[in-house]
Each structure stands twice: as structure tokens, then as C-alpha cells.
């Protein structure tokens, strides 16, 4: 696997190295030993799978409050998405900056999202599926989010929004999540 650090310290684009032959291809998507090179030593305790039917749908921007912050490893196994992360570590030099990448079944790229980041995506195609690995269990009552169109963060979504859940439309603005902004 190739680990490429993004502009937000601690987050990585991961490119599997497929073995290709006449049958197709095979690729490793996680290896405990290889992930040590980026400092990952936590156990994956939960895996989730999302399916989104409509192009232009936004899901996000989600995170869990400390001390239940989580590391995520996200990959697209069907369709394609515009995946976005926001650095919400108040002591980080990239606090409130965002990074995006197209994840697709075709490019097989993954994104490693450290603790202290909000995450979301917009579907670029119909019937998009994501697999998420989590280092922390989902804890009802500690989930949180940032409004997808917060003007301070100013994410540039590539498509018109077709669908967004009522819950995601009700997330707080940055100024309501972080005092002093």
C-alpha cells in the first residue's frame, strides 16, 4: 500500500497495490504491520457499510465528541463519492481547513481519517457504497456534526444537492461547536 499524507496532518490517502492476473485483481486493504508506518496501532472495533441511491446526496459532516473520538478508514466499493474531512482539532495549525478526494470503486483509493476530524461525502454517482472501519464504538448521545454548508468552512460541493437528511440539515455551525471562533 502507498500512504500519501494529505494537507491535513495525520490524514492519508491510501492506494492499495493490486496484484493483477488473468482472473482479475487482488489487493490488501489493511495490514497491521503496514499501518504502523503512519502511526496507526489502534484496533478496528466496528465496521459500517452505507448505500446511497441518488447522485448529489450529502451525508455529513459527522464526528463523535471526545473522549469517544474515532479514527476512520473509508473506501468506496461501488459508484463514486466526493469525500470530505474537516480538521476540528483546536490546537492544529490546519484547524477548520478541509480536504477532499474522489473515492470510487474504480480508483480503489481509501482515506485514513484521524481523531479530531469531521467526515462526510457527496455522491457523484447513483448507488454508491462505502465501507467504514472505526476505532471506537458508536456511542448514542455523543455523535455530533457540523453543518454541511457552514460559511466559515465553505466546502465547495461539486454537485447540486439532491438529498440530505433532516438530521444533517440540523447540525450546528462551527461557532456553536467551538467557543471563541
Protein backbone atom coordinates (compact mmCIF):
# COMPACT_ATOMS: atom_id res chain seq x y z
CA UNK A 1 0.00 0.00 0.00
CA UNK A 2 1.05 3.56 -0.65
CA UNK A 3 0.36 6.07 2.14
CA UNK A 4 0.20 9.68 0.94
CA UNK A 5 -0.20 12.31 3.65
CA UNK A 6 -2.77 14.97 2.80
CA UNK A 7 -2.50 18.68 3.57
CA UNK A 8 -4.16 17.92 6.94
CA UNK A 9 -1.57 16.32 9.23
CA UNK A 10 -2.34 12.76 10.20
CA UNK A 11 -4.78 12.06 7.37
CA UNK A 12 -3.72 9.88 4.48
CA UNK A 13 -4.82 8.80 1.04
CA UNK A 14 -4.14 5.09 0.82
CA UNK A 15 -3.60 3.41 -2.52
CA UNK A 16 -3.73 -0.38 -2.48
CA UNK A 17 -1.29 -2.14 -4.78
CA UNK A 18 -3.38 -4.68 -6.66
CA UNK A 19 -1.96 -7.95 -7.91
CA UNK A 20 -3.39 -8.41 -11.40
CA UNK A 21 -3.61 -11.58 -13.45
CA UNK A 22 -5.96 -13.19 -15.96
CA UNK A 23 -8.63 -13.69 -13.26
CA UNK A 24 -8.80 -10.01 -12.27
CA UNK A 25 -7.08 -8.43 -9.28
CA UNK A 26 -6.46 -8.87 -5.55
CA UNK A 27 -5.48 -6.09 -3.13
CA UNK A 28 -4.84 -5.80 0.57
CA UNK A 29 -6.88 -3.03 2.20
CA UNK A 30 -5.47 -3.35 5.71
CA UNK A 31 -2.29 -4.75 7.22
CA UNK A 32 -1.48 -4.06 10.85
CA UNK A 33 2.25 -4.04 10.12
CA UNK A 34 1.99 -1.66 7.16
CA UNK A 35 -0.32 0.74 9.02
CA UNK A 36 2.32 1.09 11.76
CA UNK A 37 4.33 3.27 9.34
CA UNK A 38 1.66 6.01 9.69
CA UNK A 39 1.44 5.52 13.46
CA UNK A 40 -1.78 3.51 13.45
CA UNK A 41 -1.82 1.00 16.28
CA UNK A 42 -5.48 1.10 17.34
CA UNK A 43 -7.83 -1.79 16.81
CA UNK A 44 -10.73 -1.50 14.39
CA UNK A 45 -13.73 -2.24 16.65
CA UNK A 46 -16.61 -1.56 14.28
CA UNK A 47 -17.23 -1.72 10.54
CA UNK A 48 -20.12 0.02 8.80
CA UNK A 49 -21.48 -0.11 5.26
CA UNK A 50 -23.53 2.70 3.69
CA UNK A 51 -25.54 2.61 0.48
CA UNK A 52 -26.81 5.81 -1.14
CA UNK A 53 -29.12 5.62 -4.14
CA UNK A 54 -29.17 9.16 -5.55
CA UNK A 55 -26.41 11.24 -7.16
CA UNK A 56 -25.83 14.54 -5.33
CA UNK A 57 -26.78 13.23 -1.88
CA UNK A 58 -24.79 14.61 1.04
CA UNK A 59 -24.12 12.69 4.24
CA UNK A 60 -22.19 14.54 6.93
CA UNK A 61 -20.30 16.25 8.45
CA UNK A 62 -20.14 13.72 11.32
CA UNK A 63 -17.87 13.13 14.33
CA UNK A 64 -18.04 11.81 17.89
CA UNK A 65 -17.19 14.06 20.82
CA UNK A 66 -14.15 13.28 22.98
CA UNK A 67 -13.34 11.03 24.72
CA UNK A 68 -15.11 8.91 22.08
CA UNK A 69 -13.35 10.43 19.05
CA UNK A 70 -12.62 7.85 16.41
CA UNK A 71 -10.20 7.05 13.65
CA UNK A 72 -11.91 6.07 10.40
CA UNK A 73 -10.73 4.26 7.31
CA UNK A 74 -13.16 4.83 4.42
CA UNK A 75 -13.31 3.23 0.99
CA UNK A 76 -15.84 3.21 -1.82
CA UNK A 77 -16.77 -0.23 -3.15
CA UNK A 78 -19.46 0.79 -5.64
CA UNK A 79 -20.05 4.04 -7.50
CA UNK A 80 -18.15 7.18 -6.52
CA UNK A 81 -18.19 9.93 -3.89
CA UNK A 82 -16.61 13.30 -3.18
CA UNK A 83 -15.26 12.56 0.30
CA UNK A 84 -14.56 15.49 2.65
CA UNK A 85 -12.82 15.81 6.01
CA UNK A 86 -12.54 18.87 8.27
CA UNK A 87 -9.78 19.29 10.84
CA UNK A 88 -11.57 20.16 14.10
CA UNK A 89 -8.52 19.86 16.37
CA UNK A 90 -8.44 23.29 18.01
CA UNK A 91 -4.67 23.12 18.59
CA UNK A 92 -3.91 22.17 14.97
CA UNK A 93 -2.31 24.61 12.50
CA UNK A 94 -4.93 23.42 9.97
CA UNK A 95 -7.92 23.88 12.32
CA UNK A 96 -11.14 24.28 10.27
CA UNK A 97 -9.42 23.51 6.97
CA UNK A 98 -10.93 20.83 4.79
CA UNK A 99 -9.62 18.29 2.33
CA UNK A 100 -11.49 16.38 -0.36
CA UNK A 101 -10.83 13.38 -2.56
CA UNK A 102 -12.85 11.41 -5.08
CA UNK A 103 -13.20 7.84 -3.85
CA UNK A 104 -14.54 5.27 -6.27
CA UNK A 105 -14.77 1.59 -6.93
CA UNK A 106 -12.59 2.22 -9.99
CA UNK A 107 -9.71 4.08 -8.31
CA UNK A 108 -9.80 1.87 -5.15
CA UNK A 109 -8.34 4.71 -3.04
CA UNK A 110 -9.12 4.95 0.66
CA UNK A 111 -8.88 7.79 3.16
CA UNK A 112 -7.49 7.45 6.67
CA UNK A 113 -9.13 9.98 8.98
CA UNK A 114 -7.51 10.53 12.39
CA UNK A 115 -9.28 11.51 15.60
CA UNK A 116 -10.38 15.12 15.65
CA UNK A 117 -11.90 15.27 12.18
CA UNK A 118 -15.44 15.61 10.88
CA UNK A 119 -16.29 13.45 7.87
CA UNK A 120 -18.89 13.47 5.14
CA UNK A 121 -19.39 12.94 1.43
CA UNK A 122 -21.47 13.75 -1.61
CA UNK A 123 -22.37 11.00 -4.05
CA UNK A 124 -21.05 11.51 -7.57
CA UNK A 125 -22.99 8.56 -8.97
CA UNK A 126 -26.08 6.53 -8.25
CA UNK A 127 -25.88 3.50 -5.98
CA UNK A 128 -22.69 4.43 -4.15
CA UNK A 129 -21.48 2.20 -1.33
CA UNK A 130 -18.87 2.92 1.34
CA UNK A 131 -17.19 0.66 3.88
CA UNK A 132 -16.01 2.34 7.09
CA UNK A 133 -13.63 0.94 9.71
CA UNK A 134 -13.91 2.63 13.13
CA UNK A 135 -11.51 2.63 16.08
CA UNK A 136 -14.32 3.49 18.53
CA UNK A 137 -17.78 2.09 19.03
CA UNK A 138 -20.76 4.23 18.06
CA UNK A 139 -21.97 5.92 21.24
CA UNK A 140 -25.53 7.33 21.14
CA UNK A 141 -25.61 10.80 22.62
CA UNK A 142 -22.00 11.73 21.76
CA UNK A 143 -22.40 11.90 17.99
CA UNK A 144 -22.10 15.39 16.62
CA UNK A 145 -21.82 17.22 13.34
CA UNK A 146 -21.01 20.40 11.52
CA UNK A 147 -23.47 21.89 9.06
CA UNK A 148 -22.53 20.81 5.52
CA UNK A 149 -22.75 24.40 4.25
CA UNK A 150 -21.15 26.22 7.18
CA UNK A 151 -19.88 29.53 5.72
CA UNK A 152 -16.70 29.51 7.84
CA UNK A 153 -15.61 26.13 6.48
CA UNK A 154 -17.03 26.86 2.99
CA UNK A 155 -16.86 23.36 1.48
CA UNK A 156 -17.15 23.52 -2.30
CA UNK A 157 -19.52 20.64 -3.09
CA UNK A 158 -19.17 19.66 -6.76
CA UNK A 159 -22.86 18.98 -7.50
CA UNK A 160 -26.21 20.50 -6.68
CA UNK A 161 -27.58 18.81 -3.57
CA UNK A 162 -30.32 16.31 -4.37
CA UNK A 163 -30.89 14.83 -0.91
CA UNK A 164 -29.75 15.50 2.64
CA UNK A 165 -31.29 14.09 5.80
CA UNK A 166 -33.20 16.29 8.21
CA UNK A 167 -30.66 15.36 10.89
CA UNK A 168 -27.72 16.54 8.73
CA UNK A 169 -29.57 19.78 7.93
CA UNK A 170 -29.81 20.46 11.67
CA UNK A 171 -26.10 20.18 12.54
CA UNK A 172 -24.50 23.14 14.29
CA UNK A 173 -22.48 25.87 12.72
CA UNK A 174 -18.79 25.87 13.67
CA UNK A 175 -19.38 28.82 16.01
CA UNK A 176 -21.85 26.72 18.01
CA UNK A 177 -19.46 23.75 18.30
CA UNK A 178 -16.28 25.67 19.10
CA UNK A 179 -16.27 28.59 21.52
CA UNK A 180 -14.07 31.56 20.62
CA UNK A 181 -14.49 31.45 16.85
